[in-house]
Amino acid sequence: MFIKIGVRDLSPAVVAWARIALAALVLVPVAVARGQFSRNGVSVWLLTLLGLVQAGGPFVLIAAGEEDVSSSLAGILVASTPLFTALLAIWIDHEERSEGLRLVGVLLGLVGVAVLLGLDLGGSGAELLGGAMIVLASLGYAIGGFIVKHRAARMAPTGVAAWVMLTSTIALLPVAIAGAPAEAPGIGPVAAVTVLGVVGTGIAFAIFYELMTTVGPARTFIVTYLAPAFAVAYGVALLDEGLTAFTIAGLVLIVGGSYLAAEGRLPGRGSGPDDAPRANEAPASETDLPVQTAGAGREASG
């Protein structure tokens, strides 16, 4: 919702850069205070790549997509990240590959994406392109999750998030300058981006990683399945966005499919032996999310 308000007067690049820069102002001091800002041998170039794949690129794509797509549909499409994680795992990480209910979840989620792109957004080429940008952002979140797991697992999660925001802030600065508004934006878009950056990205990521270490990933990632419903509620109630049968169908299919793809079990069922945490598996980061970076990017932030 805040992204949708922000792009009224600001370019997608400025919205993305501002939220990332504000988040860095929150996360870097937190990581330093906790002694978690060390890179532990992970190169700055890898962290820069991670920042572009997991924050800079997706945030620009989502903001650009929301110039033509409603915030509620954007929130639903972003929830497709676990589907891409499952698909990429076929080639990248066999430990994460989908079988049984996980595979069913992937197929259901892909049907949901097709419903939204082909039916709910099929009215105009601009809307379809906007939806495709948001789906591409979800793919970036998924790729970032694998980079964190295989190349940056030695770093503390809060440190990863701080470095991702810091490197993205620097990398996106030239693009943000090029997209700077010709005249002063309204107070509404400025306030929306400020809240998005400080609260919805910076503070949200700090809380997210704190929960990862206190209540565990399983409970923390519940946010992934709640965020799309809130996005629809906010968009319909506060921005007067439309709600169609296709929107509801896409929401159910994508969120339900993402849950099965990630959990491999029906809600309320206990985890089986195959779902137990693996000893050599690194904790997921928000990049898996909204930045499940540390991504439900999942977009815990948006």
Protein backbone atom coordinates (compact mmCIF):
# COMPACT_ATOMS: atom_id res chain seq x y z
CA MET A 1 0.00 0.00 0.00
CA PHE A 2 2.77 2.46 0.89
CA ILE A 3 4.55 1.69 -2.39
CA LYS A 4 1.34 2.44 -4.30
CA ILE A 5 1.07 5.82 -2.57
CA GLY A 6 4.75 6.56 -3.09
CA VAL A 7 4.72 6.10 -6.87
CA ARG A 8 2.04 8.77 -7.21
CA ASP A 9 4.75 11.46 -7.13
CA LEU A 10 8.04 9.53 -7.06
CA SER A 11 9.69 7.29 -9.63
CA PRO A 12 10.04 3.56 -8.83
CA ALA A 13 13.81 3.98 -8.51
CA VAL A 14 13.45 6.78 -5.95
CA VAL A 15 10.85 4.84 -3.95
CA ALA A 16 13.11 1.77 -3.88
CA TRP A 17 16.28 3.71 -3.04
CA ALA A 18 14.62 5.77 -0.29
CA ARG A 19 13.17 2.74 1.49
CA ILE A 20 16.48 0.88 1.25
CA ALA A 21 18.52 3.85 2.48
CA LEU A 22 16.16 4.40 5.42
CA ALA A 23 16.27 0.69 6.24
CA ALA A 24 20.06 0.80 6.19
CA LEU A 25 19.98 3.64 8.70
CA VAL A 26 18.02 1.35 11.01
CA LEU A 27 19.73 -1.99 10.39
CA VAL A 28 23.42 -1.04 10.24
CA PRO A 29 23.49 0.45 13.78
CA VAL A 30 21.53 -2.56 15.09
CA ALA A 31 23.98 -5.01 13.49
CA VAL A 32 26.98 -3.05 14.78
CA ALA A 33 25.53 -2.83 18.31
CA ARG A 34 25.00 -6.60 18.33
CA GLY A 35 28.46 -7.31 16.97
CA GLN A 36 26.91 -8.89 13.86
CA PHE A 37 28.16 -6.53 11.16
CA SER A 38 31.23 -8.64 10.40
CA ARG A 39 31.34 -10.17 6.92
CA ASN A 40 33.18 -13.28 8.18
CA GLY A 41 35.10 -13.61 4.93
CA VAL A 42 32.15 -13.04 2.62
CA SER A 43 33.24 -10.65 -0.14
CA VAL A 44 31.74 -7.20 -0.58
CA TRP A 45 31.12 -8.05 -4.25
CA LEU A 46 28.98 -11.05 -3.31
CA LEU A 47 27.03 -8.94 -0.84
CA THR A 48 26.55 -6.29 -3.52
CA LEU A 49 25.21 -8.92 -5.90
CA LEU A 50 22.96 -10.21 -3.14
CA GLY A 51 21.74 -6.69 -2.45
CA LEU A 52 20.80 -6.15 -6.10
CA VAL A 53 19.13 -9.55 -6.46
CA GLN A 54 17.34 -9.51 -3.13
CA ALA A 55 16.53 -5.87 -2.47
CA GLY A 56 17.53 -3.30 -5.08
CA GLY A 57 16.22 -5.09 -8.16
CA PRO A 58 13.02 -6.50 -6.61
CA PHE A 59 12.12 -3.22 -4.89
CA VAL A 60 12.45 -1.29 -8.16
CA LEU A 61 10.45 -3.93 -10.05
CA ILE A 62 7.65 -3.99 -7.48
CA ALA A 63 7.39 -0.20 -7.44
CA ALA A 64 7.41 -0.08 -11.26
CA GLY A 65 4.78 -2.80 -11.40
CA GLU A 66 2.54 -0.94 -8.99
CA GLU A 67 2.33 1.99 -11.36
CA ASP A 68 -0.17 -0.18 -13.26
CA VAL A 69 -1.11 -2.94 -10.80
CA SER A 70 -3.11 -2.56 -7.58
CA SER A 71 -1.32 -2.92 -4.27
CA SER A 72 -3.54 -5.86 -3.34
CA LEU A 73 -2.57 -7.85 -6.43
CA ALA A 74 1.09 -6.93 -5.90
CA GLY A 75 0.90 -8.32 -2.36
CA ILE A 76 -0.51 -11.59 -3.64
CA LEU A 77 2.02 -11.99 -6.47
CA VAL A 78 4.96 -11.36 -4.13
CA ALA A 79 3.83 -14.38 -2.11
CA SER A 80 4.88 -16.60 -5.03
CA THR A 81 8.51 -16.57 -3.81
CA PRO A 82 8.36 -20.08 -2.26
CA LEU A 83 7.14 -21.41 -5.61
CA PHE A 84 10.25 -20.13 -7.38
CA THR A 85 12.40 -21.44 -4.55
CA ALA A 86 10.94 -24.90 -5.12
CA LEU A 87 11.37 -24.70 -8.89
CA LEU A 88 14.97 -23.46 -8.73
CA ALA A 89 15.83 -26.16 -6.20
CA ILE A 90 15.41 -28.76 -8.95
CA TRP A 91 18.69 -27.50 -10.45
CA ILE A 92 20.35 -25.60 -7.61
CA ASP A 93 19.69 -27.42 -4.34
CA HIS A 94 18.44 -30.99 -4.31
CA GLU A 95 17.85 -30.78 -0.56
CA GLU A 96 15.04 -28.32 -1.28
CA ARG A 97 13.49 -30.10 -4.27
CA SER A 98 9.74 -30.65 -4.27
CA GLU A 99 8.04 -34.00 -4.02
CA GLY A 100 4.58 -35.10 -2.92
CA LEU A 101 2.54 -32.27 -1.40
CA ARG A 102 5.37 -29.82 -2.04
CA LEU A 103 5.09 -30.46 -5.76
CA VAL A 104 1.29 -30.15 -5.58
CA GLY A 105 1.77 -26.79 -3.88
CA VAL A 106 4.08 -25.57 -6.65
CA LEU A 107 1.55 -26.52 -9.31
CA LEU A 108 -1.34 -24.89 -7.44
CA GLY A 109 0.65 -21.71 -6.94
CA LEU A 110 1.61 -21.51 -10.60
CA VAL A 111 -2.06 -21.87 -11.52
CA GLY A 112 -2.77 -18.97 -9.17
CA VAL A 113 -0.13 -16.80 -10.86
CA ALA A 114 -1.65 -17.68 -14.25
CA VAL A 115 -5.13 -16.75 -12.99
CA LEU A 116 -3.97 -13.32 -11.85
CA LEU A 117 -1.80 -12.55 -14.89
CA GLY A 118 -4.08 -14.09 -17.49
CA LEU A 119 -7.52 -13.24 -16.13
CA ASP A 120 -7.36 -10.55 -13.47
CA LEU A 121 -4.69 -8.50 -15.30
CA GLY A 122 -5.49 -9.56 -18.83
CA GLY A 123 -7.30 -6.34 -19.65
CA SER A 124 -4.30 -4.30 -20.75
CA GLY A 125 -0.70 -4.81 -21.78
CA ALA A 126 0.51 -2.31 -19.17
CA GLU A 127 -1.15 -4.22 -16.33
CA LEU A 128 0.20 -7.52 -17.58
CA LEU A 129 3.71 -6.10 -17.81
CA GLY A 130 3.38 -4.65 -14.32
CA GLY A 131 2.30 -8.01 -12.94
CA ALA A 132 5.19 -9.73 -14.71
CA MET A 133 7.63 -7.28 -13.08
CA ILE A 134 6.32 -8.20 -9.63
CA VAL A 135 6.59 -11.91 -10.38
CA LEU A 136 10.17 -11.31 -11.57
CA ALA A 137 10.87 -9.62 -8.22
CA SER A 138 9.70 -12.77 -6.45
CA LEU A 139 12.14 -14.75 -8.57
CA GLY A 140 14.90 -12.41 -7.37
CA TYR A 141 13.94 -13.07 -3.74
CA ALA A 142 14.18 -16.81 -4.36
CA ILE A 143 17.59 -16.55 -6.02
CA GLY A 144 18.80 -14.40 -3.14
CA GLY A 145 17.71 -17.06 -0.68
CA PHE A 146 19.98 -19.62 -2.32
CA ILE A 147 22.89 -17.17 -2.37
CA VAL A 148 22.48 -16.61 1.36
CA LYS A 149 22.27 -20.32 2.10
CA HIS A 150 25.24 -21.42 0.03
CA ARG A 151 27.55 -18.39 0.06
CA ALA A 152 26.71 -16.22 3.09
CA ALA A 153 25.50 -18.68 5.72
CA ARG A 154 28.56 -17.92 7.90
CA MET A 155 27.24 -14.39 8.52
CA ALA A 156 24.70 -13.49 11.19
CA PRO A 157 21.22 -12.93 9.67
CA THR A 158 21.00 -9.35 10.93
CA GLY A 159 24.44 -8.69 9.45
CA VAL A 160 23.31 -10.03 6.07
CA ALA A 161 20.26 -7.77 6.12
CA ALA A 162 22.35 -4.73 7.08
CA TRP A 163 24.92 -5.36 4.35
CA VAL A 164 22.19 -6.03 1.77
CA MET A 165 20.60 -2.66 2.52
CA LEU A 166 23.93 -0.83 2.63
CA THR A 167 25.24 -2.19 -0.69
CA SER A 168 21.85 -1.68 -2.36
CA THR A 169 21.75 1.94 -1.17
CA ILE A 170 25.09 2.63 -2.83
CA ALA A 171 24.36 0.65 -6.01
CA LEU A 172 20.96 2.28 -6.63
CA LEU A 173 22.08 5.86 -5.93
CA PRO A 174 22.89 6.74 -9.59
CA VAL A 175 19.53 5.36 -10.76
CA ALA A 176 17.70 7.25 -8.02
CA ILE A 177 19.44 10.49 -8.95
CA ALA A 178 18.47 9.98 -12.59
CA GLY A 179 14.85 9.42 -11.55
CA ALA A 180 14.66 12.32 -9.09
CA PRO A 181 11.39 14.28 -9.35
CA ALA A 182 11.41 17.59 -11.21
CA GLU A 183 9.28 19.19 -8.48
CA ALA A 184 8.72 18.62 -4.79
CA PRO A 185 6.52 15.55 -4.15
CA GLY A 186 3.42 15.73 -2.00
CA ILE A 187 3.52 15.06 1.73
CA GLY A 188 1.51 11.84 1.30
CA PRO A 189 4.00 10.01 -0.93
CA VAL A 190 6.96 11.25 1.15
CA ALA A 191 5.32 10.08 4.39
CA ALA A 192 4.39 6.73 2.84
CA VAL A 193 7.96 6.03 1.66
CA THR A 194 9.38 7.15 5.01
CA VAL A 195 7.14 4.75 6.94
CA LEU A 196 7.85 2.03 4.39
CA GLY A 197 11.59 2.42 4.80
CA VAL A 198 11.89 2.93 8.55
CA VAL A 199 9.04 0.75 9.84
CA GLY A 200 8.10 -1.60 7.01
CA THR A 201 11.66 -2.44 5.96
CA GLY A 202 14.21 -1.46 8.63
CA ILE A 203 12.37 -2.16 11.89
CA ALA A 204 10.42 -5.03 10.33
CA PHE A 205 13.63 -6.79 9.28
CA ALA A 206 15.17 -6.26 12.73
CA ILE A 207 12.10 -7.80 14.37
CA PHE A 208 12.05 -10.58 11.78
CA TYR A 209 15.61 -11.67 12.56
CA GLU A 210 15.05 -11.36 16.29
CA LEU A 211 12.09 -13.75 15.94
CA MET A 212 14.20 -16.11 13.86
CA THR A 213 16.53 -16.56 16.82
CA THR A 214 13.86 -16.67 19.54
CA VAL A 215 10.80 -18.52 18.21
CA GLY A 216 12.38 -20.21 15.18
CA PRO A 217 11.90 -20.01 11.41
CA ALA A 218 8.64 -21.98 11.23
CA ARG A 219 6.65 -19.57 13.39
CA THR A 220 8.41 -16.52 12.00
CA PHE A 221 7.57 -17.40 8.40
CA ILE A 222 3.85 -17.34 9.19
CA VAL A 223 4.13 -13.71 8.07
CA THR A 224 4.55 -14.99 4.52
CA TYR A 225 1.01 -16.29 4.48
CA LEU A 226 -0.55 -13.35 6.35
CA ALA A 227 0.98 -10.53 4.30
CA PRO A 228 -1.07 -11.07 1.08
CA ALA A 229 -4.36 -11.05 2.98
CA PHE A 230 -3.42 -7.80 4.69
CA ALA A 231 -2.35 -6.33 1.34
CA VAL A 232 -5.79 -7.10 -0.10
CA ALA A 233 -7.58 -5.74 2.98
CA TYR A 234 -5.59 -2.49 3.00
CA GLY A 235 -5.90 -1.99 -0.73
CA VAL A 236 -9.66 -2.53 -0.82
CA ALA A 237 -10.47 -0.65 2.40
CA LEU A 238 -8.03 2.26 2.24
CA LEU A 239 -7.22 2.71 -1.46
CA ASP A 240 -10.64 1.72 -2.83
CA GLU A 241 -9.14 -1.01 -5.03
CA GLY A 242 -11.42 -3.52 -6.68
CA LEU A 243 -11.84 -7.09 -5.45
CA THR A 244 -12.81 -9.67 -8.05
CA ALA A 245 -13.47 -13.40 -7.93
CA PHE A 246 -10.20 -13.89 -9.82
CA THR A 247 -8.34 -11.92 -7.15
CA ILE A 248 -9.73 -14.16 -4.42
CA ALA A 249 -9.00 -17.30 -6.45
CA GLY A 250 -5.43 -16.17 -7.10
CA LEU A 251 -4.95 -15.35 -3.41
CA VAL A 252 -6.14 -18.79 -2.30
CA LEU A 253 -4.12 -20.66 -4.93
CA ILE A 254 -0.86 -18.74 -4.48
CA VAL A 255 -0.89 -18.58 -0.68
CA GLY A 256 -2.11 -22.17 -0.36
CA GLY A 257 0.35 -23.40 -2.94
CA SER A 258 3.21 -21.47 -1.35
CA TYR A 259 2.37 -22.98 2.04
CA LEU A 260 2.42 -26.52 0.67
CA ALA A 261 5.58 -25.85 -1.36
CA ALA A 262 7.37 -24.56 1.73
CA GLU A 263 5.94 -26.84 4.43
CA GLY A 264 5.20 -30.08 2.56
CA ARG A 265 2.17 -30.78 4.75
CA LEU A 266 -1.44 -29.75 5.21
CA PRO A 267 -2.24 -27.08 7.84
CA GLY A 268 -2.66 -28.61 11.29
CA ARG A 269 -0.65 -31.71 10.45
CA GLY A 270 2.61 -32.39 12.27
CA SER A 271 5.82 -32.40 10.32
CA GLY A 272 7.00 -35.75 9.10
CA PRO A 273 10.55 -37.06 9.10
CA ASP A 274 11.22 -35.42 5.76
CA ASP A 275 10.28 -32.03 7.16
CA ALA A 276 12.67 -32.06 10.10
CA PRO A 277 15.38 -29.40 9.94
CA ARG A 278 18.55 -30.66 8.32
CA ALA A 279 21.71 -30.40 10.35
CA ASN A 280 23.62 -28.80 7.50
CA GLU A 281 20.87 -26.45 6.42
CA ALA A 282 21.44 -22.78 7.00
CA PRO A 283 18.61 -20.67 8.44
CA ALA A 284 16.43 -19.05 5.85
CA SER A 285 16.67 -15.36 5.52
CA GLU A 286 14.23 -12.71 4.62
CA THR A 287 15.17 -13.07 1.09
CA ASP A 288 13.24 -16.19 1.08
CA LEU A 289 10.54 -13.95 2.16
CA PRO A 290 9.61 -10.23 0.92
CA VAL A 291 14.11 -9.49 1.63
CA GLN A 292 12.98 -12.99 2.86
CA THR A 293 16.53 -11.51 3.11
CA ALA A 294 17.24 -12.06 5.22
CA GLY A 295 11.45 -11.47 0.64
CA ALA A 296 7.56 -13.83 3.09
CA GLY A 297 10.21 -11.01 1.19
CA ARG A 298 9.19 -11.94 1.41
CA GLU A 299 7.81 -8.55 1.45
CA ALA A 300 7.44 -8.23 5.14
CA SER A 301 8.33 -4.75 4.33
CA GLY A 302 5.81 -3.67 1.75
